[in-house]
Amino acid sequence: MPPYTPGPGPGPSPDPGPGTDPEPGEPEPTLLAKASQTAEGLSYTIDGVTKAFDNLTAYRANPDTTVMAVRLLQELGAKIGYQRVDNGGMVTVSCGDITATLWENSTVMTVVDSSGTRQVNLRTVFTNRGGRTYLPTRDVAENLGFQVDWTAEDDSITITAR
């Protein structure tokens, strides 16, 4: 796999560096979610159960960035909070001991975990469409501790536990 090059594209996840691959005999990471397009249409699979995508599940914010409905993160075990703060929306996503906070019309997300608090630049802002909240897939999932891989051959996104 070529090394990760930061940029706007949905390319491969950054190489996490030495020591992160499973040792011989250790189990591979668990496949949590895979989104792909087949002859039957767009679908996603979580824990072996395939469900149809509709235009309310995910969409492309631009050619290089997919955003997903918060319900998809909930299916991966995340807890979602939404509230209005100072005339804008604020989304809080928690998974395990990691919490990410996103603000409407902001390209910065705050992430709090055991190592402290950090600001993360987002590829796109979170949006509300048709009564649903959508978050930038890679930016949020990776910062919650998941690995996100995009495969050009079938234009699929795979989210796995690290």
Protein backbone atom coordinates (compact mmCIF):
# COMPACT_ATOMS: atom_id res chain seq x y z
CA MET A 1 0.00 0.00 0.00
CA PRO A 2 1.45 3.43 -0.86
CA PRO A 3 2.16 5.74 2.08
CA TYR A 4 -0.61 8.08 3.16
CA THR A 5 -0.44 11.58 1.71
CA PRO A 6 -2.53 14.14 3.57
CA GLY A 7 -4.99 15.93 1.36
CA PRO A 8 -8.64 16.31 0.54
CA GLY A 9 -9.01 12.91 -1.09
CA PRO A 10 -10.66 9.88 0.44
CA GLY A 11 -7.48 7.85 -0.07
CA PRO A 12 -6.05 5.34 2.37
CA SER A 13 -5.87 5.98 6.09
CA PRO A 14 -2.56 7.22 7.40
CA ASP A 15 -0.03 4.50 8.08
CA PRO A 16 -0.24 4.17 11.87
CA GLY A 17 3.45 3.28 12.02
CA PRO A 18 5.38 0.31 13.30
CA GLY A 19 3.97 -1.95 15.95
CA THR A 20 0.34 -1.46 15.07
CA ASP A 21 -0.13 -4.48 12.82
CA PRO A 22 -1.36 -7.59 14.60
CA GLU A 23 1.41 -9.93 15.68
CA PRO A 24 1.32 -13.42 14.18
CA GLY A 25 -1.49 -15.32 15.87
CA GLU A 26 -3.33 -12.15 16.95
CA PRO A 27 -6.79 -11.63 15.47
CA GLU A 28 -7.28 -9.18 12.63
CA PRO A 29 -9.31 -6.04 13.43
CA THR A 30 -13.04 -6.66 13.41
CA LEU A 31 -14.86 -5.39 10.34
CA LEU A 32 -17.49 -3.05 11.68
CA ALA A 33 -18.89 -1.37 8.61
CA LYS A 34 -18.43 -1.46 4.87
CA ALA A 35 -20.26 0.77 2.43
CA SER A 36 -20.23 -0.17 -1.24
CA GLN A 37 -22.10 -0.02 -4.51
CA THR A 38 -23.26 -3.23 -6.19
CA ALA A 39 -25.57 -4.06 -9.07
CA GLU A 40 -28.41 -3.92 -6.54
CA GLY A 41 -27.46 -0.36 -5.52
CA LEU A 42 -25.70 1.28 -2.61
CA SER A 43 -25.50 -0.70 0.60
CA TYR A 44 -23.65 -0.91 3.88
CA THR A 45 -22.82 -3.90 6.03
CA ILE A 46 -22.42 -3.78 9.80
CA ASP A 47 -21.45 -6.92 11.71
CA GLY A 48 -22.48 -9.05 8.74
CA VAL A 49 -25.93 -7.48 8.27
CA THR A 50 -26.36 -5.69 4.92
CA LYS A 51 -28.73 -2.74 4.69
CA ALA A 52 -29.66 -0.55 1.74
CA PHE A 53 -28.32 2.98 1.60
CA ASP A 54 -30.77 5.66 0.79
CA ASN A 55 -30.08 9.32 0.22
CA LEU A 56 -30.67 9.79 3.94
CA THR A 57 -27.82 7.49 5.05
CA ALA A 58 -24.80 9.16 3.43
CA TYR A 59 -23.87 11.38 0.53
CA ARG A 60 -20.81 12.99 -1.01
CA ALA A 61 -20.25 16.54 0.25
CA ASN A 62 -17.75 16.96 -2.60
CA PRO A 63 -15.96 14.52 -4.92
CA ASP A 64 -13.47 13.59 -2.20
CA THR A 65 -15.52 13.66 1.01
CA THR A 66 -18.36 11.40 2.13
CA VAL A 67 -20.57 12.42 5.02
CA MET A 68 -22.70 9.94 6.96
CA ALA A 69 -25.83 10.27 9.00
CA VAL A 70 -25.24 10.10 12.73
CA ARG A 71 -27.44 6.98 12.86
CA LEU A 72 -24.65 5.08 11.09
CA LEU A 73 -22.24 6.07 13.89
CA GLN A 74 -24.86 4.98 16.41
CA GLU A 75 -24.93 1.55 14.76
CA LEU A 76 -21.16 1.40 15.36
CA GLY A 77 -21.78 1.98 19.08
CA ALA A 78 -21.31 5.76 19.32
CA LYS A 79 -23.54 7.89 21.50
CA ILE A 80 -24.76 11.10 19.84
CA GLY A 81 -25.90 14.35 21.44
CA TYR A 82 -27.28 17.40 19.63
CA GLN A 83 -28.17 20.77 21.07
CA ARG A 84 -28.57 24.38 20.03
CA VAL A 85 -25.89 26.65 21.46
CA ASP A 86 -25.66 30.39 20.67
CA ASN A 87 -28.04 30.06 17.69
CA GLY A 88 -26.03 27.19 16.19
CA GLY A 89 -25.98 23.43 16.37
CA MET A 90 -23.48 21.43 18.37
CA VAL A 91 -23.02 17.66 17.95
CA THR A 92 -21.23 15.55 20.54
CA VAL A 93 -20.14 12.04 19.55
CA SER A 94 -18.80 9.67 22.22
CA CYS A 95 -17.32 6.24 21.74
CA GLY A 96 -15.59 4.59 24.66
CA ASP A 97 -13.44 7.19 26.41
CA ILE A 98 -13.24 9.50 23.35
CA THR A 99 -15.57 12.45 22.81
CA ALA A 100 -15.67 14.61 19.68
CA THR A 101 -17.57 17.90 19.51
CA LEU A 102 -18.50 19.59 16.23
CA TRP A 103 -20.14 22.98 15.72
CA GLU A 104 -22.41 24.01 12.88
CA ASN A 105 -20.54 25.88 10.10
CA SER A 106 -17.14 25.13 11.68
CA THR A 107 -14.33 23.14 10.09
CA VAL A 108 -12.78 22.46 13.51
CA MET A 109 -13.69 19.57 15.80
CA THR A 110 -12.61 19.26 19.44
CA VAL A 111 -11.54 15.76 20.52
CA VAL A 112 -11.07 14.78 24.17
CA ASP A 113 -9.45 11.46 25.05
CA SER A 114 -7.06 10.00 27.62
CA SER A 115 -4.16 11.99 26.14
CA GLY A 116 -5.92 15.35 26.49
CA THR A 117 -7.81 17.79 24.28
CA ARG A 118 -6.94 18.59 20.67
CA GLN A 119 -8.42 20.52 17.76
CA VAL A 120 -8.86 18.66 14.45
CA ASN A 121 -9.40 20.34 11.09
CA LEU A 122 -12.34 18.83 9.19
CA ARG A 123 -12.61 18.28 5.44
CA THR A 124 -16.15 19.69 5.58
CA VAL A 125 -18.59 21.03 8.16
CA PHE A 126 -21.37 18.93 9.63
CA THR A 127 -24.70 19.54 7.95
CA ASN A 128 -28.39 19.11 8.56
CA ARG A 129 -30.46 17.94 5.57
CA GLY A 130 -34.02 16.78 5.63
CA GLY A 131 -34.08 16.70 9.42
CA ARG A 132 -30.94 14.53 9.67
CA THR A 133 -27.46 15.40 10.87
CA TYR A 134 -24.47 14.34 8.73
CA LEU A 135 -20.83 14.25 9.84
CA PRO A 136 -17.60 13.91 7.81
CA THR A 137 -17.04 10.14 7.82
CA ARG A 138 -13.26 9.80 7.91
CA ASP A 139 -12.57 12.76 10.19
CA VAL A 140 -15.02 11.68 12.87
CA ALA A 141 -14.56 7.89 12.70
CA GLU A 142 -10.75 8.00 12.78
CA ASN A 143 -10.76 10.39 15.73
CA LEU A 144 -13.11 8.05 17.59
CA GLY A 145 -10.50 5.31 17.26
CA PHE A 146 -11.72 3.51 14.14
CA GLN A 147 -9.67 2.80 11.03
CA VAL A 148 -11.24 4.05 7.79
CA ASP A 149 -10.13 2.73 4.40
CA TRP A 150 -11.37 3.72 0.97
CA THR A 151 -11.00 1.27 -1.94
CA ALA A 152 -10.99 2.89 -5.37
CA GLU A 153 -11.78 -0.33 -7.27
CA ASP A 154 -15.30 -0.61 -5.87
CA ASP A 155 -15.56 2.88 -4.33
CA SER A 156 -16.17 1.35 -0.92
CA ILE A 157 -15.46 2.64 2.56
CA THR A 158 -14.51 0.14 5.27
CA ILE A 159 -14.57 1.08 8.95
CA THR A 160 -12.81 -1.30 11.35
CA ALA A 161 -12.01 -1.33 15.05
CA ARG A 162 -8.36 -0.66 15.80
